[in-house]
Protein backbone atom coordinates (compact mmCIF):
# COMPACT_ATOMS: atom_id res chain seq x y z
CA UNK A 1 2.38 -4.63 17.90
CA UNK A 2 -0.97 -5.88 16.61
CA UNK A 3 -2.10 -9.39 17.42
CA UNK A 4 -3.18 -11.94 14.79
CA UNK A 5 -6.92 -11.18 14.99
CA UNK A 6 -6.27 -7.49 14.30
CA UNK A 7 -3.96 -8.32 11.40
CA UNK A 8 -6.56 -10.64 9.85
CA UNK A 9 -9.25 -7.97 10.32
CA UNK A 10 -7.00 -5.45 8.54
CA UNK A 11 -6.39 -7.95 5.71
CA UNK A 12 -10.11 -8.53 5.23
CA UNK A 13 -10.84 -4.80 5.18
CA UNK A 14 -8.04 -4.16 2.71
CA UNK A 15 -9.27 -7.05 0.55
CA UNK A 16 -12.79 -5.61 0.43
CA UNK A 17 -11.52 -2.11 -0.36
CA UNK A 18 -8.78 -2.97 -2.86
CA UNK A 19 -9.52 -6.23 -4.66
CA UNK A 20 -10.09 -5.66 -8.37
CA UNK A 21 -9.02 -2.00 -8.25
CA UNK A 22 -6.09 -0.47 -10.11
CA UNK A 23 -3.30 1.40 -8.37
CA UNK A 24 -3.61 4.99 -9.61
CA UNK A 25 -0.90 6.70 -7.53
CA UNK A 26 2.04 5.61 -5.39
CA UNK A 27 3.71 7.71 -2.70
CA UNK A 28 7.30 6.82 -1.81
CA UNK A 29 9.91 8.12 0.61
CA UNK A 30 13.68 7.74 0.27
CA UNK A 31 14.72 4.59 2.09
CA UNK A 32 18.00 2.82 1.18
CA UNK A 33 16.85 -0.48 2.73
CA UNK A 34 13.36 -0.70 1.24
CA UNK A 35 14.48 0.45 -2.21
CA UNK A 36 17.78 -1.38 -2.33
CA UNK A 37 18.74 -1.81 -5.99
CA UNK A 38 15.84 0.25 -7.35
CA UNK A 39 14.93 3.91 -7.17
CA UNK A 40 11.71 4.92 -5.40
CA UNK A 41 10.44 6.48 -8.65
CA UNK A 42 11.01 3.24 -10.60
CA UNK A 43 9.32 1.25 -7.85
CA UNK A 44 6.30 3.60 -8.00
CA UNK A 45 6.17 3.43 -11.80
CA UNK A 46 6.15 -0.37 -11.66
CA UNK A 47 3.16 -0.38 -9.31
CA UNK A 48 1.06 2.26 -11.09
CA UNK A 49 -1.66 0.73 -13.22
CA UNK A 50 -1.43 -2.74 -11.66
CA UNK A 51 -4.66 -4.39 -10.51
CA UNK A 52 -4.93 -5.78 -6.97
CA UNK A 53 -5.89 -9.44 -7.26
CA UNK A 54 -5.90 -10.22 -3.54
CA UNK A 55 -4.61 -9.14 -0.15
CA UNK A 56 -2.67 -11.95 1.52
CA UNK A 57 -1.35 -12.63 5.01
CA UNK A 58 1.25 -14.93 6.50
CA UNK A 59 1.56 -14.50 10.23
CA UNK A 60 1.57 -10.76 10.81
CA UNK A 61 2.87 -9.88 7.34
CA UNK A 62 0.44 -8.47 4.77
CA UNK A 63 0.97 -8.00 1.04
CA UNK A 64 -1.02 -7.40 -2.11
CA UNK A 65 -1.00 -9.85 -4.98
CA UNK A 66 -0.88 -7.82 -8.19
CA UNK A 67 -1.71 -8.72 -11.78
CA UNK A 68 1.80 -8.23 -13.08
CA UNK A 69 3.32 -11.24 -11.35
CA UNK A 70 4.73 -13.63 -13.93
CA UNK A 71 3.77 -16.88 -12.23
CA UNK A 72 0.54 -17.39 -14.22
CA UNK A 73 2.62 -17.41 -17.40
CA UNK A 74 5.08 -19.85 -15.88
CA UNK A 75 2.53 -22.23 -14.41
CA UNK A 76 1.53 -23.26 -17.89
CA UNK A 77 5.14 -23.66 -19.01
CA UNK A 78 7.20 -24.42 -15.90
CA UNK A 79 5.10 -25.50 -12.92
CA UNK A 80 6.56 -24.73 -9.52
CA UNK A 81 8.87 -21.89 -10.54
CA UNK A 82 9.08 -19.22 -7.84
CA UNK A 83 8.48 -15.55 -8.55
CA UNK A 84 12.07 -14.39 -8.27
CA UNK A 85 13.25 -17.10 -10.68
CA UNK A 86 10.40 -16.30 -13.04
CA UNK A 87 11.24 -12.59 -12.92
CA UNK A 88 14.90 -13.25 -13.66
CA UNK A 89 14.22 -15.71 -16.49
CA UNK A 90 11.76 -13.33 -18.15
CA UNK A 91 14.23 -10.46 -17.80
CA UNK A 92 17.12 -12.45 -19.27
CA UNK A 93 14.92 -13.72 -22.11
CA UNK A 94 13.73 -10.13 -22.80
CA UNK A 95 10.05 -11.11 -22.48
CA UNK A 96 7.47 -8.77 -20.98
CA UNK A 97 5.99 -10.49 -17.89
CA UNK A 98 2.51 -9.18 -18.77
CA UNK A 99 2.34 -11.33 -21.89
CA UNK A 100 0.24 -14.49 -21.68
CA UNK A 101 2.06 -17.75 -22.31
CA UNK A 102 -0.18 -18.46 -25.31
CA UNK A 103 1.20 -15.39 -27.10
CA UNK A 104 4.82 -16.62 -27.08
CA UNK A 105 6.36 -17.85 -30.30
CA UNK A 106 8.19 -21.21 -30.19
CA UNK A 107 11.58 -19.44 -30.35
CA UNK A 108 10.58 -17.29 -27.34
CA UNK A 109 9.52 -20.36 -25.36
CA UNK A 110 12.86 -22.00 -26.20
CA UNK A 111 14.76 -18.86 -25.14
CA UNK A 112 12.79 -18.62 -21.91
CA UNK A 113 13.30 -22.30 -21.17
CA UNK A 114 17.05 -21.99 -21.77
CA UNK A 115 17.29 -18.99 -19.42
CA UNK A 116 15.27 -20.77 -16.75
CA UNK A 117 17.50 -23.83 -16.87
CA UNK A 118 20.62 -21.66 -16.80
CA UNK A 119 19.35 -19.96 -13.65
CA UNK A 120 18.13 -23.05 -11.78
CA UNK A 121 20.88 -25.59 -12.50
CA UNK A 122 23.96 -23.86 -11.07
CA UNK A 123 22.23 -22.63 -7.93
CA UNK A 124 20.30 -25.69 -6.89
CA UNK A 125 21.80 -28.64 -8.69
CA UNK A 126 18.38 -29.44 -10.10
CA UNK A 127 17.70 -30.91 -13.47
CA UNK A 128 14.71 -29.66 -15.40
CA UNK A 129 11.51 -31.64 -15.13
CA UNK A 130 9.43 -29.67 -17.63
CA UNK A 131 8.35 -31.58 -20.72
CA UNK A 132 9.35 -30.49 -24.18
CA UNK A 133 6.71 -28.35 -25.92
CA UNK A 134 3.90 -30.63 -27.09
CA UNK A 135 4.95 -33.52 -24.81
CA UNK A 136 2.73 -34.63 -21.91
CA UNK A 137 3.74 -33.88 -18.34
CA UNK A 138 4.76 -37.22 -16.83
CA UNK A 139 3.71 -36.54 -13.20
CA UNK A 140 0.24 -35.21 -14.07
CA UNK A 141 -0.23 -36.87 -17.51
CA UNK A 142 -1.32 -33.59 -19.14
């Protein structure tokens, strides 16, 4: 088992080698735990063509941050939404996660907002804190 200094060294090397590059090919092996709910071929297809934005570490766990993550879209619409909630809301609203927030029509924003609220409310008992489109954000006055 590598120690933290070795893991950080590996992260830095991977960052230098991969940051800004596109994933051209993905090799997978059948694994019912790793690919639970998705086929290895679909997993590979989802990764191909994505750009590596960064290589991250938490403890001894490493991962790559890729350009397809929907959080940049959501940060301008719904600050603080986690990736799995963002993924689910985009899926339910039938919106491609690669689209920038500025390209969404008002009806798409409304549909996305409705799906987000439907996902968050029953699971966490939270009420939405996002302002209506065109209204300033109360906490940050933007």
